[in-house]
Amino acid sequence: MPTERREQMLAEHGPARLEVSSPPTQSVAIMRVLRSELGVDLAGAKVLVRRVLNGDYSGTLPEMERLARKLRASGISAVATRP
């Protein structure tokens, strides 16, 4: 999504959060999905998985819903929510 449109969506609707209710033992599977979907390296995925597990990873609702769907397809319980 273009940066300008993303910023507009965040300004109009606020951020959505990715919530994962799977145990931390599934962090490797979560990192695999994050690396695949976001194109981050292993170090970046480790940082992101901590943010996800802490409930501190956010973005636009479509971004978070896409990640939640990919995580669910991998057997990980995940939802996109708005605070």
N, C-alpha and C. Protein backbone atom coordinates (compact mmCIF):
# COMPACT_ATOMS: atom_id res chain seq x y z
N MET A 1 0.85 -1.16 0.00
CA MET A 1 0.00 0.00 0.00
C MET A 1 0.91 1.24 0.00
N PRO A 2 0.59 2.23 -0.80
CA PRO A 2 1.40 3.45 -0.82
C PRO A 2 1.42 4.12 0.56
N THR A 3 2.56 4.67 0.91
CA THR A 3 2.74 5.29 2.22
C THR A 3 1.70 6.37 2.50
N GLU A 4 1.40 7.18 1.50
CA GLU A 4 0.43 8.26 1.69
C GLU A 4 -0.95 7.71 2.05
N ARG A 5 -1.37 6.67 1.35
CA ARG A 5 -2.68 6.06 1.63
C ARG A 5 -2.70 5.39 3.00
N ARG A 6 -1.59 4.74 3.35
CA ARG A 6 -1.48 4.09 4.65
C ARG A 6 -1.60 5.12 5.77
N GLU A 7 -0.89 6.22 5.64
CA GLU A 7 -0.95 7.28 6.65
C GLU A 7 -2.36 7.86 6.76
N GLN A 8 -3.03 8.00 5.63
CA GLN A 8 -4.39 8.51 5.62
C GLN A 8 -5.33 7.56 6.37
N MET A 9 -5.19 6.27 6.12
CA MET A 9 -6.03 5.28 6.79
C MET A 9 -5.78 5.28 8.30
N LEU A 10 -4.52 5.38 8.69
CA LEU A 10 -4.21 5.42 10.12
C LEU A 10 -4.76 6.67 10.77
N ALA A 11 -4.69 7.81 10.07
CA ALA A 11 -5.21 9.06 10.62
C ALA A 11 -6.73 9.03 10.74
N GLU A 12 -7.40 8.44 9.77
CA GLU A 12 -8.87 8.43 9.77
C GLU A 12 -9.46 7.37 10.70
N HIS A 13 -8.83 6.20 10.76
CA HIS A 13 -9.42 5.08 11.48
C HIS A 13 -8.63 4.62 12.70
N GLY A 14 -7.42 5.12 12.84
CA GLY A 14 -6.57 4.68 13.94
C GLY A 14 -5.93 3.34 13.65
N PRO A 15 -4.97 2.96 14.46
CA PRO A 15 -4.27 1.70 14.21
C PRO A 15 -5.07 0.49 14.70
N ALA A 16 -4.80 -0.62 14.06
CA ALA A 16 -5.33 -1.91 14.51
C ALA A 16 -4.15 -2.69 15.07
N ARG A 17 -4.43 -3.63 15.93
CA ARG A 17 -3.38 -4.40 16.59
C ARG A 17 -3.52 -5.87 16.21
N LEU A 18 -2.38 -6.52 16.08
CA LEU A 18 -2.37 -7.95 15.82
C LEU A 18 -2.24 -8.66 17.16
N GLU A 19 -3.22 -9.49 17.49
CA GLU A 19 -3.20 -10.23 18.75
C GLU A 19 -3.08 -11.72 18.48
N VAL A 20 -2.12 -12.33 19.13
CA VAL A 20 -1.87 -13.76 18.98
C VAL A 20 -2.10 -14.40 20.33
N SER A 21 -2.98 -15.39 20.37
CA SER A 21 -3.25 -16.07 21.64
C SER A 21 -2.59 -17.44 21.70
N SER A 22 -1.72 -17.72 20.76
CA SER A 22 -0.97 -18.97 20.78
C SER A 22 0.17 -18.86 21.79
N PRO A 23 0.60 -19.97 22.34
CA PRO A 23 1.69 -19.93 23.31
C PRO A 23 3.00 -19.47 22.67
N PRO A 24 3.88 -18.87 23.47
CA PRO A 24 5.17 -18.41 22.95
C PRO A 24 6.01 -19.51 22.32
N THR A 25 5.68 -20.76 22.60
CA THR A 25 6.42 -21.86 21.99
C THR A 25 6.22 -21.90 20.47
N GLN A 26 5.22 -21.21 19.98
CA GLN A 26 4.99 -21.15 18.54
C GLN A 26 5.66 -19.94 17.90
N SER A 27 6.59 -19.32 18.60
CA SER A 27 7.22 -18.12 18.08
C SER A 27 7.98 -18.38 16.78
N VAL A 28 8.53 -19.58 16.61
CA VAL A 28 9.24 -19.90 15.37
C VAL A 28 8.27 -19.89 14.19
N ALA A 29 7.09 -20.46 14.38
CA ALA A 29 6.09 -20.46 13.31
C ALA A 29 5.61 -19.04 13.02
N ILE A 30 5.46 -18.24 14.06
CA ILE A 30 5.05 -16.84 13.87
C ILE A 30 6.14 -16.10 13.09
N MET A 31 7.39 -16.30 13.47
CA MET A 31 8.50 -15.64 12.76
C MET A 31 8.53 -16.05 11.30
N ARG A 32 8.24 -17.31 11.02
CA ARG A 32 8.24 -17.79 9.63
C ARG A 32 7.21 -17.02 8.81
N VAL A 33 6.02 -16.82 9.37
CA VAL A 33 4.97 -16.08 8.66
C VAL A 33 5.38 -14.62 8.50
N LEU A 34 5.91 -14.01 9.55
CA LEU A 34 6.32 -12.61 9.47
C LEU A 34 7.42 -12.41 8.43
N ARG A 35 8.38 -13.32 8.41
CA ARG A 35 9.46 -13.21 7.41
C ARG A 35 8.91 -13.33 6.00
N SER A 36 8.01 -14.27 5.81
CA SER A 36 7.44 -14.49 4.49
C SER A 36 6.58 -13.30 4.03
N GLU A 37 5.73 -12.82 4.91
CA GLU A 37 4.77 -11.78 4.54
C GLU A 37 5.38 -10.37 4.53
N LEU A 38 6.33 -10.11 5.42
CA LEU A 38 6.87 -8.75 5.53
C LEU A 38 8.25 -8.60 4.91
N GLY A 39 8.85 -9.70 4.51
CA GLY A 39 10.15 -9.64 3.87
C GLY A 39 11.26 -9.17 4.78
N VAL A 40 11.17 -9.52 6.06
CA VAL A 40 12.21 -9.12 7.01
C VAL A 40 13.21 -10.26 7.21
N ASP A 41 14.40 -9.91 7.67
CA ASP A 41 15.40 -10.94 7.95
C ASP A 41 15.13 -11.57 9.30
N LEU A 42 15.96 -12.53 9.67
CA LEU A 42 15.75 -13.26 10.91
C LEU A 42 15.80 -12.34 12.13
N ALA A 43 16.76 -11.43 12.17
CA ALA A 43 16.86 -10.50 13.31
C ALA A 43 15.62 -9.62 13.40
N GLY A 44 15.14 -9.14 12.27
CA GLY A 44 13.93 -8.32 12.26
C GLY A 44 12.71 -9.11 12.70
N ALA A 45 12.64 -10.38 12.29
CA ALA A 45 11.52 -11.22 12.68
C ALA A 45 11.52 -11.48 14.17
N LYS A 46 12.70 -11.62 14.77
CA LYS A 46 12.78 -11.83 16.22
C LYS A 46 12.25 -10.62 16.98
N VAL A 47 12.58 -9.44 16.49
CA VAL A 47 12.07 -8.21 17.11
C VAL A 47 10.56 -8.14 16.95
N LEU A 48 10.08 -8.42 15.76
CA LEU A 48 8.64 -8.34 15.50
C LEU A 48 7.84 -9.37 16.28
N VAL A 49 8.36 -10.59 16.43
CA VAL A 49 7.61 -11.60 17.16
C VAL A 49 7.46 -11.20 18.62
N ARG A 50 8.46 -10.56 19.20
CA ARG A 50 8.32 -10.07 20.57
C ARG A 50 7.24 -9.00 20.66
N ARG A 51 7.20 -8.10 19.67
CA ARG A 51 6.17 -7.07 19.65
C ARG A 51 4.79 -7.69 19.49
N VAL A 52 4.67 -8.68 18.62
CA VAL A 52 3.38 -9.35 18.40
C VAL A 52 2.92 -10.03 19.69
N LEU A 53 3.81 -10.80 20.31
CA LEU A 53 3.45 -11.53 21.53
C LEU A 53 3.13 -10.60 22.69
N ASN A 54 3.73 -9.41 22.70
CA ASN A 54 3.45 -8.42 23.75
C ASN A 54 2.21 -7.57 23.43
N GLY A 55 1.60 -7.78 22.25
CA GLY A 55 0.43 -7.00 21.86
C GLY A 55 0.78 -5.59 21.43
N ASP A 56 2.02 -5.40 20.98
CA ASP A 56 2.53 -4.08 20.64
C ASP A 56 2.78 -3.90 19.15
N TYR A 57 2.25 -4.77 18.31
CA TYR A 57 2.45 -4.65 16.86
C TYR A 57 1.16 -4.14 16.25
N SER A 58 1.25 -3.02 15.53
CA SER A 58 0.04 -2.42 14.96
C SER A 58 0.30 -1.89 13.56
N GLY A 59 -0.80 -1.60 12.88
CA GLY A 59 -0.77 -1.05 11.53
C GLY A 59 -2.20 -0.78 11.10
N THR A 60 -2.44 -0.73 9.81
CA THR A 60 -3.81 -0.53 9.34
C THR A 60 -4.59 -1.83 9.55
N LEU A 61 -5.91 -1.73 9.62
CA LEU A 61 -6.73 -2.91 9.80
C LEU A 61 -6.51 -3.93 8.68
N PRO A 62 -6.46 -3.52 7.40
CA PRO A 62 -6.21 -4.52 6.35
C PRO A 62 -4.85 -5.22 6.51
N GLU A 63 -3.83 -4.48 6.92
CA GLU A 63 -2.51 -5.09 7.12
C GLU A 63 -2.56 -6.13 8.23
N MET A 64 -3.17 -5.78 9.34
CA MET A 64 -3.23 -6.69 10.47
C MET A 64 -4.13 -7.88 10.19
N GLU A 65 -5.21 -7.67 9.47
CA GLU A 65 -6.11 -8.77 9.12
C GLU A 65 -5.41 -9.75 8.17
N ARG A 66 -4.64 -9.23 7.22
CA ARG A 66 -3.90 -10.10 6.30
C ARG A 66 -2.92 -10.98 7.08
N LEU A 67 -2.18 -10.39 8.01
CA LEU A 67 -1.24 -11.16 8.82
C LEU A 67 -1.97 -12.18 9.69
N ALA A 68 -3.09 -11.76 10.28
CA ALA A 68 -3.86 -12.68 11.12
C ALA A 68 -4.35 -13.88 10.30
N ARG A 69 -4.80 -13.65 9.09
CA ARG A 69 -5.25 -14.76 8.24
C ARG A 69 -4.12 -15.71 7.92
N LYS A 70 -2.95 -15.17 7.60
CA LYS A 70 -1.79 -16.00 7.29
C LYS A 70 -1.37 -16.81 8.52
N LEU A 71 -1.41 -16.18 9.69
CA LEU A 71 -1.07 -16.89 10.92
C LEU A 71 -2.07 -18.00 11.20
N ARG A 72 -3.37 -17.71 11.04
CA ARG A 72 -4.39 -18.74 11.27
C ARG A 72 -4.22 -19.90 10.30
N ALA A 73 -3.84 -19.59 9.05
CA ALA A 73 -3.61 -20.65 8.07
C ALA A 73 -2.43 -21.54 8.47
N SER A 74 -1.55 -21.00 9.30
CA SER A 74 -0.41 -21.77 9.80
C SER A 74 -0.70 -22.43 11.15
N GLY A 75 -1.96 -22.36 11.59
CA GLY A 75 -2.35 -23.01 12.83
C GLY A 75 -2.14 -22.17 14.08
N ILE A 76 -1.96 -20.87 13.90
CA ILE A 76 -1.72 -19.97 15.03
C ILE A 76 -2.97 -19.13 15.23
N SER A 77 -3.46 -19.08 16.45
CA SER A 77 -4.66 -18.31 16.77
C SER A 77 -4.31 -16.82 16.79
N ALA A 78 -4.87 -16.07 15.83
CA ALA A 78 -4.55 -14.64 15.71
C ALA A 78 -5.77 -13.87 15.22
N VAL A 79 -5.89 -12.62 15.69
CA VAL A 79 -6.97 -11.72 15.26
C VAL A 79 -6.43 -10.32 15.12
N ALA A 80 -7.08 -9.55 14.28
CA ALA A 80 -6.80 -8.12 14.16
C ALA A 80 -7.88 -7.38 14.95
N THR A 81 -7.46 -6.49 15.82
CA THR A 81 -8.41 -5.75 16.65
C THR A 81 -8.08 -4.27 16.65
N ARG A 82 -9.08 -3.50 16.99
CA ARG A 82 -8.86 -2.07 17.22
C ARG A 82 -8.95 -1.82 18.70
N PRO A 83 -8.05 -1.01 19.26
CA PRO A 83 -8.10 -0.72 20.70
C PRO A 83 -9.36 0.04 21.09
